Amino acid sequence: MGLVDVRKYCLHTEEVLHEGGTPASSPLFIVTAAAVVRNPYASRFEENLLPYMAELRSLGSELSRRAIAAIGGAEKVEAYGKGAIVGEDGEFEHGALWHEAGGWALRAALGERKAIVPASKSVGTLGSRLLIPLGHTKAAYVRSHFNSADLSVWDAPRRHEIVFALCVASGGRIHARSGGLRAEDIKGEDGQR
């Protein structure tokens, strides 16, 4: 067995019809795929975390596959994000390993997405809640797609575990009207605009 030992997978789907105004012409879907894994470095300091980060890429690929399938395919994904909740015997830095592993895997699975995958991480206990920031997949400055997804697993993370998650969404906020760069005006050259 390698360093990545999964206890369970979780998949959560939201279908948002409106936010108090007229129902949208099509609902906003937000899908979060998560895995609860054993933390190989719980209760001890490890100087070199890079081997674990490298192995987490396969978990990132698996969670990407699950999230994209649940939303109906890569062509439906307009926003994304990632997050990690580290159990109490771990370090904040263990969650930071997901920046490269999760983000790399999700962008690779979606193809030609240039914007950075927004992230959030925390150290917590059973049922801890983390809000995962979402942003447009092609341009970071599209305000309508600044959103968040809720991550919580009722029995995780245990002290020696980490919850890693990837999130995809089919669009921006329902009734977005805060101005800024519009999705239809993206140039897509640098992941910013």
N, C-alpha and C. Protein backbone atom coordinates (compact mmCIF):
# COMPACT_ATOMS: atom_id res chain seq x y z
N MET A 1 0.84 -1.18 0.00
CA MET A 1 0.00 0.00 0.00
C MET A 1 0.89 1.24 0.00
N GLY A 2 0.50 2.25 -0.80
CA GLY A 2 1.24 3.49 -0.85
C GLY A 2 0.86 4.42 0.29
N LEU A 3 1.19 5.67 0.13
CA LEU A 3 0.91 6.66 1.16
C LEU A 3 -0.55 7.09 1.19
N VAL A 4 -1.27 6.92 0.08
CA VAL A 4 -2.67 7.36 0.00
C VAL A 4 -3.59 6.18 0.30
N ASP A 5 -4.17 6.19 1.49
CA ASP A 5 -5.06 5.13 1.97
C ASP A 5 -6.45 5.74 2.19
N VAL A 6 -7.38 5.49 1.25
CA VAL A 6 -8.72 6.08 1.30
C VAL A 6 -9.64 5.24 2.19
N ARG A 7 -10.29 5.90 3.15
CA ARG A 7 -11.31 5.22 3.96
C ARG A 7 -12.66 5.26 3.28
N LYS A 8 -13.01 6.42 2.70
CA LYS A 8 -14.28 6.49 1.99
C LYS A 8 -14.31 7.69 1.05
N TYR A 9 -15.22 7.61 0.09
CA TYR A 9 -15.48 8.70 -0.85
C TYR A 9 -16.84 9.29 -0.54
N CYS A 10 -17.01 10.58 -0.80
CA CYS A 10 -18.29 11.26 -0.61
C CYS A 10 -18.57 12.10 -1.85
N LEU A 11 -19.82 12.15 -2.26
CA LEU A 11 -20.21 12.96 -3.40
C LEU A 11 -21.46 13.75 -3.01
N HIS A 12 -21.40 15.05 -3.20
CA HIS A 12 -22.52 15.92 -2.82
C HIS A 12 -22.90 16.78 -4.02
N THR A 13 -24.20 16.85 -4.32
CA THR A 13 -24.68 17.66 -5.43
C THR A 13 -25.73 18.64 -4.94
N GLU A 14 -25.58 19.90 -5.36
CA GLU A 14 -26.59 20.92 -5.11
C GLU A 14 -27.19 21.33 -6.44
N GLU A 15 -28.48 21.60 -6.45
CA GLU A 15 -29.18 22.13 -7.62
C GLU A 15 -29.88 23.40 -7.17
N VAL A 16 -29.34 24.55 -7.57
CA VAL A 16 -29.85 25.85 -7.13
C VAL A 16 -30.80 26.38 -8.20
N LEU A 17 -32.05 26.64 -7.81
CA LEU A 17 -33.06 27.13 -8.75
C LEU A 17 -33.19 28.64 -8.73
N HIS A 18 -33.07 29.25 -7.56
CA HIS A 18 -33.09 30.71 -7.44
C HIS A 18 -32.51 31.09 -6.09
N GLU A 19 -32.23 32.37 -5.94
CA GLU A 19 -31.72 32.91 -4.67
C GLU A 19 -32.65 34.00 -4.18
N GLY A 20 -33.95 33.79 -4.35
CA GLY A 20 -34.95 34.75 -3.91
C GLY A 20 -35.62 35.48 -5.05
N GLY A 21 -35.02 35.50 -6.22
CA GLY A 21 -35.62 36.15 -7.38
C GLY A 21 -36.36 35.14 -8.23
N THR A 22 -36.60 35.51 -9.46
CA THR A 22 -37.26 34.62 -10.41
C THR A 22 -36.40 33.38 -10.64
N PRO A 23 -37.00 32.18 -10.70
CA PRO A 23 -36.20 30.99 -10.98
C PRO A 23 -35.39 31.14 -12.27
N ALA A 24 -34.17 30.65 -12.24
CA ALA A 24 -33.28 30.74 -13.39
C ALA A 24 -33.80 29.89 -14.54
N SER A 25 -33.39 30.23 -15.75
CA SER A 25 -33.81 29.44 -16.92
C SER A 25 -33.24 28.03 -16.86
N SER A 26 -32.08 27.89 -16.23
CA SER A 26 -31.54 26.55 -15.97
C SER A 26 -30.87 26.58 -14.60
N PRO A 27 -30.98 25.51 -13.84
CA PRO A 27 -30.42 25.52 -12.49
C PRO A 27 -28.90 25.53 -12.49
N LEU A 28 -28.34 25.99 -11.39
CA LEU A 28 -26.90 25.93 -11.15
C LEU A 28 -26.61 24.64 -10.40
N PHE A 29 -25.74 23.83 -10.95
CA PHE A 29 -25.32 22.60 -10.28
C PHE A 29 -23.94 22.80 -9.68
N ILE A 30 -23.79 22.39 -8.42
CA ILE A 30 -22.51 22.43 -7.72
C ILE A 30 -22.25 21.03 -7.19
N VAL A 31 -21.14 20.43 -7.59
CA VAL A 31 -20.80 19.06 -7.19
C VAL A 31 -19.48 19.08 -6.43
N THR A 32 -19.48 18.43 -5.28
CA THR A 32 -18.25 18.28 -4.49
C THR A 32 -17.95 16.80 -4.34
N ALA A 33 -16.76 16.41 -4.79
CA ALA A 33 -16.29 15.03 -4.63
C ALA A 33 -15.16 15.06 -3.60
N ALA A 34 -15.27 14.21 -2.57
CA ALA A 34 -14.29 14.22 -1.48
C ALA A 34 -13.83 12.81 -1.17
N ALA A 35 -12.66 12.73 -0.56
CA ALA A 35 -12.13 11.46 -0.08
C ALA A 35 -11.59 11.67 1.33
N VAL A 36 -11.85 10.72 2.19
CA VAL A 36 -11.32 10.72 3.55
C VAL A 36 -10.13 9.76 3.55
N VAL A 37 -8.95 10.28 3.83
CA VAL A 37 -7.73 9.46 3.74
C VAL A 37 -6.94 9.49 5.05
N ARG A 38 -6.19 8.46 5.25
CA ARG A 38 -5.29 8.39 6.41
C ARG A 38 -4.15 9.38 6.18
N ASN A 39 -3.79 10.11 7.21
CA ASN A 39 -2.66 11.04 7.13
C ASN A 39 -1.40 10.28 7.54
N PRO A 40 -0.50 10.01 6.60
CA PRO A 40 0.69 9.23 6.94
C PRO A 40 1.66 9.97 7.87
N TYR A 41 1.44 11.28 8.06
CA TYR A 41 2.34 12.07 8.89
C TYR A 41 1.68 12.54 10.18
N ALA A 42 0.52 11.98 10.51
CA ALA A 42 -0.16 12.39 11.75
C ALA A 42 0.74 12.13 12.95
N SER A 43 0.77 13.07 13.87
CA SER A 43 1.51 12.99 15.14
C SER A 43 3.02 12.96 14.99
N ARG A 44 3.54 13.34 13.82
CA ARG A 44 5.00 13.41 13.67
C ARG A 44 5.34 14.44 12.59
N PHE A 45 6.51 15.01 12.73
CA PHE A 45 6.99 15.99 11.75
C PHE A 45 7.78 15.26 10.68
N GLU A 46 7.45 15.54 9.43
CA GLU A 46 8.18 14.97 8.29
C GLU A 46 8.70 16.14 7.46
N GLU A 47 10.01 16.18 7.28
CA GLU A 47 10.62 17.28 6.52
C GLU A 47 10.21 17.25 5.05
N ASN A 48 10.22 16.09 4.42
CA ASN A 48 9.97 15.98 2.98
C ASN A 48 8.56 15.45 2.72
N LEU A 49 7.66 16.35 2.35
CA LEU A 49 6.27 15.98 2.07
C LEU A 49 6.01 15.73 0.59
N LEU A 50 7.00 15.95 -0.25
CA LEU A 50 6.79 15.86 -1.70
C LEU A 50 6.41 14.47 -2.20
N PRO A 51 6.91 13.36 -1.61
CA PRO A 51 6.43 12.05 -2.08
C PRO A 51 4.92 11.87 -1.89
N TYR A 52 4.40 12.37 -0.78
CA TYR A 52 2.96 12.27 -0.54
C TYR A 52 2.19 13.13 -1.55
N MET A 53 2.68 14.34 -1.80
CA MET A 53 2.03 15.20 -2.77
C MET A 53 1.99 14.53 -4.14
N ALA A 54 3.07 13.88 -4.53
CA ALA A 54 3.12 13.19 -5.82
C ALA A 54 2.09 12.07 -5.88
N GLU A 55 1.92 11.32 -4.81
CA GLU A 55 0.94 10.23 -4.79
C GLU A 55 -0.48 10.77 -4.76
N LEU A 56 -0.67 11.96 -4.20
CA LEU A 56 -2.01 12.55 -4.15
C LEU A 56 -2.54 12.91 -5.54
N ARG A 57 -1.67 13.01 -6.53
CA ARG A 57 -2.13 13.30 -7.89
C ARG A 57 -3.12 12.26 -8.38
N SER A 58 -2.90 10.99 -8.05
CA SER A 58 -3.84 9.95 -8.49
C SER A 58 -5.19 10.13 -7.80
N LEU A 59 -5.19 10.55 -6.54
CA LEU A 59 -6.44 10.84 -5.86
C LEU A 59 -7.13 12.04 -6.52
N GLY A 60 -6.34 13.04 -6.89
CA GLY A 60 -6.90 14.19 -7.60
C GLY A 60 -7.56 13.77 -8.91
N SER A 61 -6.94 12.86 -9.63
CA SER A 61 -7.52 12.36 -10.88
C SER A 61 -8.83 11.62 -10.62
N GLU A 62 -8.85 10.81 -9.57
CA GLU A 62 -10.07 10.05 -9.24
C GLU A 62 -11.20 10.98 -8.82
N LEU A 63 -10.92 11.96 -7.96
CA LEU A 63 -11.97 12.89 -7.54
C LEU A 63 -12.42 13.77 -8.71
N SER A 64 -11.52 14.13 -9.60
CA SER A 64 -11.89 14.88 -10.80
C SER A 64 -12.86 14.08 -11.64
N ARG A 65 -12.54 12.82 -11.85
CA ARG A 65 -13.40 11.94 -12.65
C ARG A 65 -14.79 11.86 -12.04
N ARG A 66 -14.87 11.67 -10.74
CA ARG A 66 -16.15 11.53 -10.07
C ARG A 66 -16.97 12.83 -10.15
N ALA A 67 -16.33 13.97 -9.91
CA ALA A 67 -17.04 15.24 -9.94
C ALA A 67 -17.54 15.58 -11.35
N ILE A 68 -16.69 15.39 -12.33
CA ILE A 68 -17.05 15.71 -13.71
C ILE A 68 -18.17 14.79 -14.20
N ALA A 69 -18.11 13.52 -13.86
CA ALA A 69 -19.19 12.60 -14.24
C ALA A 69 -20.51 13.00 -13.60
N ALA A 70 -20.46 13.40 -12.33
CA ALA A 70 -21.69 13.74 -11.61
C ALA A 70 -22.36 15.00 -12.15
N ILE A 71 -21.55 15.91 -12.70
CA ILE A 71 -22.14 17.15 -13.23
C ILE A 71 -22.58 16.98 -14.68
N GLY A 72 -22.17 15.89 -15.31
CA GLY A 72 -22.62 15.62 -16.67
C GLY A 72 -21.58 15.83 -17.76
N GLY A 73 -20.31 15.93 -17.41
CA GLY A 73 -19.25 16.06 -18.40
C GLY A 73 -18.47 17.35 -18.28
N ALA A 74 -17.25 17.34 -18.80
CA ALA A 74 -16.34 18.49 -18.70
C ALA A 74 -16.92 19.74 -19.35
N GLU A 75 -17.69 19.57 -20.40
CA GLU A 75 -18.25 20.73 -21.10
C GLU A 75 -19.25 21.51 -20.24
N LYS A 76 -19.74 20.90 -19.18
CA LYS A 76 -20.70 21.58 -18.28
C LYS A 76 -20.02 22.37 -17.17
N VAL A 77 -18.71 22.22 -17.00
CA VAL A 77 -17.99 22.85 -15.89
C VAL A 77 -17.53 24.25 -16.26
N GLU A 78 -18.04 25.25 -15.52
CA GLU A 78 -17.63 26.65 -15.71
C GLU A 78 -16.85 27.20 -14.52
N ALA A 79 -16.99 26.56 -13.35
CA ALA A 79 -16.29 27.04 -12.15
C ALA A 79 -15.75 25.85 -11.38
N TYR A 80 -14.69 26.12 -10.60
CA TYR A 80 -14.11 25.04 -9.81
C TYR A 80 -13.41 25.56 -8.57
N GLY A 81 -13.08 24.62 -7.68
CA GLY A 81 -12.36 24.94 -6.45
C GLY A 81 -11.89 23.66 -5.79
N LYS A 82 -11.11 23.82 -4.74
CA LYS A 82 -10.58 22.64 -4.02
C LYS A 82 -10.44 22.99 -2.55
N GLY A 83 -10.43 21.95 -1.70
CA GLY A 83 -10.29 22.19 -0.28
C GLY A 83 -9.79 20.97 0.46
N ALA A 84 -9.31 21.19 1.68
CA ALA A 84 -8.81 20.10 2.53
C ALA A 84 -9.07 20.45 3.99
N ILE A 85 -9.49 19.44 4.73
CA ILE A 85 -9.62 19.57 6.19
C ILE A 85 -8.69 18.53 6.82
N VAL A 86 -7.71 18.98 7.55
CA VAL A 86 -6.72 18.11 8.18
C VAL A 86 -7.17 17.80 9.60
N GLY A 87 -7.12 16.53 9.99
CA GLY A 87 -7.45 16.14 11.36
C GLY A 87 -6.45 16.71 12.35
N GLU A 88 -6.84 16.73 13.62
CA GLU A 88 -6.09 17.42 14.67
C GLU A 88 -4.65 16.96 14.87
N ASP A 89 -4.32 15.73 14.50
CA ASP A 89 -2.94 15.25 14.67
C ASP A 89 -2.06 15.58 13.47
N GLY A 90 -2.62 16.30 12.50
CA GLY A 90 -1.86 16.70 11.32
C GLY A 90 -1.50 18.16 11.38
N GLU A 91 -0.86 18.62 10.30
CA GLU A 91 -0.44 20.02 10.17
C GLU A 91 -1.23 20.71 9.07
N PHE A 92 -1.38 21.99 9.18
CA PHE A 92 -1.97 22.81 8.13
C PHE A 92 -1.27 22.54 6.80
N GLU A 93 0.05 22.37 6.86
CA GLU A 93 0.85 22.13 5.65
C GLU A 93 0.44 20.86 4.92
N HIS A 94 -0.07 19.88 5.63
CA HIS A 94 -0.51 18.64 4.97
C HIS A 94 -1.68 18.93 4.03
N GLY A 95 -2.54 19.86 4.40
CA GLY A 95 -3.63 20.28 3.52
C GLY A 95 -3.13 21.07 2.32
N ALA A 96 -2.03 21.79 2.50
CA ALA A 96 -1.47 22.59 1.40
C ALA A 96 -0.94 21.71 0.27
N LEU A 97 -0.67 20.46 0.53
CA LEU A 97 -0.20 19.56 -0.52
C LEU A 97 -1.25 19.38 -1.61
N TRP A 98 -2.50 19.67 -1.30
CA TRP A 98 -3.60 19.52 -2.24
C TRP A 98 -3.60 20.63 -3.30
N HIS A 99 -2.91 21.75 -3.02
CA HIS A 99 -2.87 22.84 -4.00
C HIS A 99 -2.39 22.33 -5.35
N GLU A 100 -1.25 21.71 -5.36
CA GLU A 100 -0.68 21.22 -6.61
C GLU A 100 -1.37 19.94 -7.07
N ALA A 101 -1.53 18.98 -6.18
CA ALA A 101 -2.06 17.67 -6.57
C ALA A 101 -3.51 17.75 -7.04
N GLY A 102 -4.36 18.44 -6.32
CA GLY A 102 -5.76 18.55 -6.70
C GLY A 102 -5.98 19.48 -7.88
N GLY A 103 -5.32 20.64 -7.84
CA GLY A 103 -5.48 21.61 -8.92
C GLY A 103 -4.94 21.10 -10.24
N TRP A 104 -3.77 20.48 -10.20
CA TRP A 104 -3.18 19.91 -11.41
C TRP A 104 -4.11 18.87 -12.02
N ALA A 105 -4.61 17.98 -11.20
CA ALA A 105 -5.46 16.90 -11.69
C ALA A 105 -6.76 17.42 -12.29
N LEU A 106 -7.39 18.39 -11.62
CA LEU A 106 -8.67 18.90 -12.11
C LEU A 106 -8.50 19.64 -13.43
N ARG A 107 -7.48 20.48 -13.54
CA ARG A 107 -7.26 21.19 -14.81
C ARG A 107 -6.91 20.20 -15.92
N ALA A 108 -6.14 19.17 -15.60
CA ALA A 108 -5.79 18.17 -16.61
C ALA A 108 -7.05 17.43 -17.09
N ALA A 109 -7.94 17.09 -16.18
CA ALA A 109 -9.16 16.37 -16.54
C ALA A 109 -10.09 17.23 -17.38
N LEU A 110 -10.08 18.54 -17.15
CA LEU A 110 -10.97 19.44 -17.89
C LEU A 110 -10.35 19.90 -19.20
N GLY A 111 -9.03 19.93 -19.29
CA GLY A 111 -8.35 20.37 -20.51
C GLY A 111 -8.53 21.85 -20.79
N GLU A 112 -7.47 22.53 -21.17
CA GLU A 112 -7.48 23.93 -21.60
C GLU A 112 -8.13 24.90 -20.62
N ARG A 113 -8.04 24.64 -19.34
CA ARG A 113 -8.55 25.58 -18.34
C ARG A 113 -7.33 26.27 -17.73
N LYS A 114 -7.28 27.58 -17.81
CA LYS A 114 -6.07 28.30 -17.44
C LYS A 114 -6.11 28.96 -16.08
N ALA A 115 -7.28 29.24 -15.55
CA ALA A 115 -7.37 29.94 -14.27
C ALA A 115 -6.93 29.03 -13.13
N ILE A 116 -6.32 29.63 -12.13
CA ILE A 116 -5.91 28.89 -10.95
C ILE A 116 -7.17 28.32 -10.28
N VAL A 117 -7.03 27.15 -9.67
CA VAL A 117 -8.15 26.54 -8.95
C VAL A 117 -8.13 27.10 -7.53
N PRO A 118 -9.12 27.91 -7.16
CA PRO A 118 -9.12 28.49 -5.81
C PRO A 118 -9.13 27.41 -4.73
N ALA A 119 -8.59 27.73 -3.57
CA ALA A 119 -8.45 26.71 -2.52
C ALA A 119 -8.72 27.26 -1.14
N SER A 120 -9.10 26.34 -0.27
CA SER A 120 -9.24 26.63 1.15
C SER A 120 -8.81 25.39 1.91
N LYS A 121 -8.27 25.60 3.10
CA LYS A 121 -7.85 24.47 3.93
C LYS A 121 -7.97 24.86 5.39
N SER A 122 -8.05 23.83 6.23
CA SER A 122 -8.21 24.07 7.65
C SER A 122 -7.75 22.84 8.42
N VAL A 123 -7.54 23.02 9.70
CA VAL A 123 -7.34 21.89 10.62
C VAL A 123 -8.62 21.81 11.44
N GLY A 124 -9.19 20.60 11.53
CA GLY A 124 -10.47 20.48 12.22
C GLY A 124 -10.68 19.10 12.80
N THR A 125 -11.93 18.85 13.14
CA THR A 125 -12.31 17.59 13.77
C THR A 125 -13.57 17.06 13.10
N LEU A 126 -14.15 15.99 13.64
CA LEU A 126 -15.33 15.36 13.04
C LEU A 126 -16.39 16.38 12.69
N GLY A 127 -16.85 16.34 11.45
CA GLY A 127 -17.93 17.22 11.02
C GLY A 127 -17.54 18.66 10.79
N SER A 128 -16.27 18.99 10.85
CA SER A 128 -15.85 20.37 10.60
C SER A 128 -16.36 20.81 9.23
N ARG A 129 -16.65 22.10 9.14
CA ARG A 129 -17.18 22.66 7.91
C ARG A 129 -16.13 23.55 7.26
N LEU A 130 -15.99 23.42 5.96
CA LEU A 130 -15.07 24.24 5.19
C LEU A 130 -15.81 24.78 3.99
N LEU A 131 -15.70 26.07 3.74
CA LEU A 131 -16.26 26.65 2.53
C LEU A 131 -15.15 26.69 1.48
N ILE A 132 -15.42 26.02 0.37
CA ILE A 132 -14.46 25.95 -0.74
C ILE A 132 -14.77 27.09 -1.70
N PRO A 133 -13.81 27.97 -1.96
CA PRO A 133 -14.06 29.05 -2.91
C PRO A 133 -14.12 28.52 -4.34
N LEU A 134 -15.00 29.11 -5.13
CA LEU A 134 -15.12 28.75 -6.54
C LEU A 134 -14.76 29.95 -7.40
N GLY A 135 -14.19 29.68 -8.56
CA GLY A 135 -13.90 30.72 -9.54
C GLY A 135 -14.04 30.16 -10.93
N HIS A 136 -14.18 31.05 -11.91
CA HIS A 136 -14.32 30.63 -13.31
C HIS A 136 -13.09 29.84 -13.74
N THR A 137 -13.29 28.84 -14.58
CA THR A 137 -12.20 27.96 -14.99
C THR A 137 -11.26 28.59 -16.01
N LYS A 138 -11.72 29.62 -16.71
CA LYS A 138 -10.89 30.20 -17.77
C LYS A 138 -10.35 31.58 -17.47
N ALA A 139 -10.98 32.29 -16.52
CA ALA A 139 -10.54 33.66 -16.21
C ALA A 139 -10.89 34.00 -14.77
N ALA A 140 -9.88 34.29 -13.99
CA ALA A 140 -10.05 34.52 -12.55
C ALA A 140 -10.86 35.77 -12.22
N TYR A 141 -10.97 36.72 -13.14
CA TYR A 141 -11.62 37.99 -12.84
C TYR A 141 -13.13 38.00 -13.13
N VAL A 142 -13.72 36.88 -13.42
CA VAL A 142 -15.16 36.83 -13.69
C VAL A 142 -15.90 36.77 -12.36
N ARG A 143 -16.41 37.93 -11.91
CA ARG A 143 -17.02 38.04 -10.58
C ARG A 143 -18.26 37.17 -10.41
N SER A 144 -19.01 36.98 -11.48
CA SER A 144 -20.26 36.21 -11.38
C SER A 144 -20.02 34.78 -10.91
N HIS A 145 -18.81 34.30 -11.09
CA HIS A 145 -18.48 32.92 -10.74
C HIS A 145 -17.77 32.80 -9.39
N PHE A 146 -17.58 33.93 -8.68
CA PHE A 146 -17.06 33.87 -7.31
C PHE A 146 -18.19 33.31 -6.45
N ASN A 147 -17.98 32.14 -5.92
CA ASN A 147 -19.02 31.46 -5.16
C ASN A 147 -18.33 30.57 -4.14
N SER A 148 -19.08 29.73 -3.45
CA SER A 148 -18.46 28.77 -2.54
C SER A 148 -19.31 27.52 -2.46
N ALA A 149 -18.65 26.45 -2.09
CA ALA A 149 -19.31 25.16 -1.89
C ALA A 149 -19.00 24.69 -0.48
N ASP A 150 -19.95 24.05 0.13
CA ASP A 150 -19.80 23.59 1.50
C ASP A 150 -19.20 22.18 1.52
N LEU A 151 -18.19 22.00 2.36
CA LEU A 151 -17.60 20.67 2.56
C LEU A 151 -17.71 20.30 4.03
N SER A 152 -18.35 19.18 4.29
CA SER A 152 -18.45 18.64 5.64
C SER A 152 -18.72 17.15 5.52
N VAL A 153 -18.02 16.36 6.31
CA VAL A 153 -18.25 14.91 6.37
C VAL A 153 -18.52 14.58 7.83
N TRP A 154 -19.66 14.01 8.10
CA TRP A 154 -20.12 13.86 9.49
C TRP A 154 -19.14 13.11 10.38
N ASP A 155 -18.40 12.14 9.85
CA ASP A 155 -17.50 11.35 10.69
C ASP A 155 -16.03 11.53 10.33
N ALA A 156 -15.70 12.70 9.80
CA ALA A 156 -14.32 12.95 9.39
C ALA A 156 -14.04 14.45 9.44
N PRO A 157 -12.77 14.82 9.54
CA PRO A 157 -11.63 13.93 9.65
C PRO A 157 -11.42 13.46 11.10
N ARG A 158 -11.10 12.19 11.24
CA ARG A 158 -10.63 11.72 12.54
C ARG A 158 -9.25 12.32 12.75
N ARG A 159 -8.72 12.21 13.95
CA ARG A 159 -7.46 12.90 14.28
C ARG A 159 -6.33 12.59 13.30
N HIS A 160 -6.32 11.38 12.77
CA HIS A 160 -5.23 10.92 11.90
C HIS A 160 -5.62 10.92 10.42
N GLU A 161 -6.63 11.70 10.05
CA GLU A 161 -7.12 11.70 8.67
C GLU A 161 -7.08 13.10 8.06
N ILE A 162 -7.29 13.11 6.74
CA ILE A 162 -7.46 14.35 5.98
C ILE A 162 -8.63 14.13 5.03
N VAL A 163 -9.47 15.15 4.89
CA VAL A 163 -10.51 15.14 3.87
C VAL A 163 -10.02 16.04 2.73
N PHE A 164 -9.87 15.46 1.55
CA PHE A 164 -9.49 16.21 0.36
C PHE A 164 -10.72 16.30 -0.54
N ALA A 165 -10.96 17.47 -1.16
CA ALA A 165 -12.14 17.62 -2.00
C ALA A 165 -11.85 18.49 -3.22
N LEU A 166 -12.58 18.17 -4.29
CA LEU A 166 -12.61 18.98 -5.50
C LEU A 166 -14.06 19.33 -5.78
N CYS A 167 -14.27 20.53 -6.29
CA CYS A 167 -15.62 21.00 -6.54
C CYS A 167 -15.72 21.57 -7.94
N VAL A 168 -16.83 21.30 -8.62
CA VAL A 168 -17.11 21.86 -9.94
C VAL A 168 -18.52 22.44 -9.92
N ALA A 169 -18.73 23.47 -10.74
CA ALA A 169 -20.05 24.09 -10.85
C ALA A 169 -20.36 24.37 -12.31
N SER A 170 -21.65 24.35 -12.62
CA SER A 170 -22.08 24.51 -14.02
C SER A 170 -22.18 25.97 -14.45
N GLY A 171 -21.98 26.91 -13.54
CA GLY A 171 -22.07 28.31 -13.90
C GLY A 171 -21.75 29.20 -12.73
N GLY A 172 -22.11 30.45 -12.88
CA GLY A 172 -21.90 31.42 -11.82
C GLY A 172 -23.09 31.48 -10.89
N ARG A 173 -23.05 32.44 -9.97
CA ARG A 173 -24.15 32.59 -9.02
C ARG A 173 -25.46 32.89 -9.75
N ILE A 174 -26.53 32.31 -9.25
CA ILE A 174 -27.85 32.64 -9.78
C ILE A 174 -28.11 34.12 -9.45
N HIS A 175 -28.60 34.88 -10.42
CA HIS A 175 -28.91 36.30 -10.27
C HIS A 175 -27.67 37.17 -10.02
N ALA A 176 -26.49 36.75 -10.47
CA ALA A 176 -25.27 37.56 -10.29
C ALA A 176 -25.46 38.92 -10.96
N ARG A 177 -25.14 39.98 -10.22
CA ARG A 177 -25.28 41.33 -10.77
C ARG A 177 -24.32 42.30 -10.09
N SER A 178 -23.08 41.82 -9.86
CA SER A 178 -22.08 42.66 -9.19
C SER A 178 -21.09 43.28 -10.17
N GLY A 179 -21.38 43.21 -11.46
CA GLY A 179 -20.53 43.84 -12.46
C GLY A 179 -19.25 43.05 -12.73
N GLY A 180 -18.29 43.73 -13.33
CA GLY A 180 -17.01 43.10 -13.64
C GLY A 180 -17.02 42.38 -14.98
N LEU A 181 -15.95 41.66 -15.23
CA LEU A 181 -15.79 40.91 -16.48
C LEU A 181 -16.90 39.87 -16.60
N ARG A 182 -17.56 39.84 -17.74
CA ARG A 182 -18.62 38.86 -17.98
C ARG A 182 -18.01 37.62 -18.64
N ALA A 183 -18.60 36.47 -18.37
CA ALA A 183 -18.09 35.20 -18.91
C ALA A 183 -18.00 35.25 -20.44
N GLU A 184 -18.96 35.86 -21.08
CA GLU A 184 -18.96 35.91 -22.56
C GLU A 184 -17.87 36.84 -23.11
N ASP A 185 -17.22 37.64 -22.24
CA ASP A 185 -16.16 38.55 -22.69
C ASP A 185 -14.75 38.04 -22.36
N ILE A 186 -14.63 36.81 -21.90
CA ILE A 186 -13.31 36.24 -21.57
C ILE A 186 -12.46 36.13 -22.83
N LYS A 187 -11.20 36.55 -22.71
CA LYS A 187 -10.23 36.38 -23.80
C LYS A 187 -9.53 35.03 -23.65
N GLY A 188 -9.31 34.59 -22.40
CA GLY A 188 -8.77 33.25 -22.15
C GLY A 188 -7.31 33.09 -22.46
N GLU A 189 -6.53 34.15 -22.45
CA GLU A 189 -5.13 34.06 -22.82
C GLU A 189 -4.21 33.69 -21.65
N ASP A 190 -4.56 34.18 -20.45
CA ASP A 190 -3.62 34.03 -19.32
C ASP A 190 -4.24 33.51 -18.04
N GLY A 191 -5.51 33.14 -18.06
CA GLY A 191 -6.17 32.67 -16.85
C GLY A 191 -6.67 33.79 -15.98
N GLN A 192 -6.43 35.03 -16.37
CA GLN A 192 -6.87 36.19 -15.58
C GLN A 192 -8.12 36.82 -16.18
N ARG A 193 -8.05 37.15 -17.46
CA ARG A 193 -9.15 37.83 -18.14
C ARG A 193 -9.54 37.08 -19.38
